[in-house]
Protein backbone atom coordinates (compact mmCIF):
# COMPACT_ATOMS: atom_id res chain seq x y z
CA UNK A 1 -56.07 33.43 -66.33
CA UNK A 2 -56.17 30.10 -64.55
CA UNK A 3 -58.69 29.22 -61.88
CA UNK A 4 -58.16 26.01 -59.94
CA UNK A 5 -61.14 24.62 -58.07
CA UNK A 6 -59.92 22.93 -54.91
CA UNK A 7 -63.22 21.57 -53.58
CA UNK A 8 -66.96 22.27 -53.57
CA UNK A 9 -66.95 22.22 -57.38
CA UNK A 10 -70.70 22.73 -57.83
CA UNK A 11 -70.72 25.79 -55.57
CA UNK A 12 -67.52 27.21 -57.09
CA UNK A 13 -68.79 26.83 -60.66
CA UNK A 14 -72.13 28.36 -59.74
CA UNK A 15 -70.38 31.40 -58.26
CA UNK A 16 -68.08 31.71 -61.26
CA UNK A 17 -71.00 31.47 -63.72
CA UNK A 18 -72.85 34.17 -61.78
CA UNK A 19 -69.89 36.50 -62.36
CA UNK A 20 -68.99 35.47 -65.91
CA UNK A 21 -69.30 32.47 -68.20
CA UNK A 22 -65.68 33.17 -69.16
CA UNK A 23 -64.51 32.52 -65.59
CA UNK A 24 -66.39 29.22 -65.41
CA UNK A 25 -65.01 28.15 -68.80
CA UNK A 26 -61.45 28.81 -67.63
CA UNK A 27 -61.75 26.95 -64.33
CA UNK A 28 -60.17 23.55 -63.94
CA UNK A 29 -60.76 21.05 -61.22
CA UNK A 30 -61.45 19.93 -58.76
CA UNK A 31 -57.77 19.40 -58.06
CA UNK A 32 -56.76 15.79 -57.46
CA UNK A 33 -54.12 16.70 -54.87
CA UNK A 34 -54.87 17.96 -51.37
CA UNK A 35 -55.87 21.65 -51.48
CA UNK A 36 -52.94 22.71 -49.26
CA UNK A 37 -50.49 20.93 -51.58
CA UNK A 38 -51.96 22.65 -54.64
CA UNK A 39 -51.67 26.05 -52.95
CA UNK A 40 -48.08 25.45 -51.81
CA UNK A 41 -47.14 24.35 -55.34
CA UNK A 42 -48.59 27.67 -56.57
CA UNK A 43 -46.35 29.61 -54.19
CA UNK A 44 -48.65 29.98 -51.18
CA UNK A 45 -46.22 28.90 -48.45
CA UNK A 46 -49.00 28.72 -45.84
CA UNK A 47 -51.20 26.59 -48.08
CA UNK A 48 -54.38 28.39 -47.04
CA UNK A 49 -57.02 30.44 -48.82
CA UNK A 50 -57.71 33.01 -49.98
CA UNK A 51 -54.62 33.26 -52.20
CA UNK A 52 -53.98 34.78 -55.61
CA UNK A 53 -50.98 35.61 -57.73
CA UNK A 54 -50.37 37.28 -61.05
CA UNK A 55 -47.86 35.77 -63.45
CA UNK A 56 -46.32 37.37 -66.53
CA UNK A 57 -46.49 35.78 -69.98
CA UNK A 58 -43.00 34.33 -69.45
CA UNK A 59 -43.85 32.76 -66.07
CA UNK A 60 -42.43 35.37 -63.68
CA UNK A 61 -44.53 36.01 -60.58
CA UNK A 62 -45.52 39.68 -60.63
CA UNK A 63 -47.35 39.84 -57.33
CA UNK A 64 -49.06 37.68 -54.72
CA UNK A 65 -51.97 38.34 -52.40
CA UNK A 66 -53.42 36.53 -49.41
CA UNK A 67 -56.83 37.81 -48.48
CA UNK A 68 -60.21 38.58 -49.96
CA UNK A 69 -60.09 39.58 -53.62
CA UNK A 70 -61.80 42.77 -54.62
CA UNK A 71 -61.96 44.39 -58.04
CA UNK A 72 -59.37 46.91 -56.86
CA UNK A 73 -57.01 44.15 -55.67
CA UNK A 74 -57.36 42.24 -58.96
CA UNK A 75 -56.50 45.43 -60.84
CA UNK A 76 -53.40 45.81 -58.64
CA UNK A 77 -52.33 42.24 -59.35
CA UNK A 78 -52.67 42.82 -63.09
CA UNK A 79 -50.95 46.21 -62.87
CA UNK A 80 -47.98 44.54 -61.19
CA UNK A 81 -47.44 42.49 -64.35
CA UNK A 82 -47.77 45.57 -66.53
CA UNK A 83 -45.22 47.29 -64.28
CA UNK A 84 -42.88 44.33 -64.57
CA UNK A 85 -43.10 44.47 -68.36
CA UNK A 86 -42.29 48.17 -68.41
CA UNK A 87 -39.55 47.85 -65.74
CA UNK A 88 -37.91 44.44 -66.32
CA UNK A 89 -35.35 44.89 -63.52
CA UNK A 90 -38.06 45.30 -60.88
CA UNK A 91 -38.41 42.44 -58.42
CA UNK A 92 -41.89 41.02 -57.66
CA UNK A 93 -43.72 42.10 -54.50
């Protein structure tokens, strides 16, 4: 897992710590580039939040999502990688 803080570092870290010390420990940032540039480099063509993607161990994008993240959506993003591992010919969604 990689969490990139784009701005408002104090607020972001506080929210991450409230959920899990693990999340805060795995966050990097704030990013030195403009937030939109960081997002576009991560595959978010629009360069706007919210944006998430799941990536397999070998760097293939399993799935992307633009919108609010819920526990259910996070599980779907992770499941897409599991599905990709079990069906290597499947293209990402």
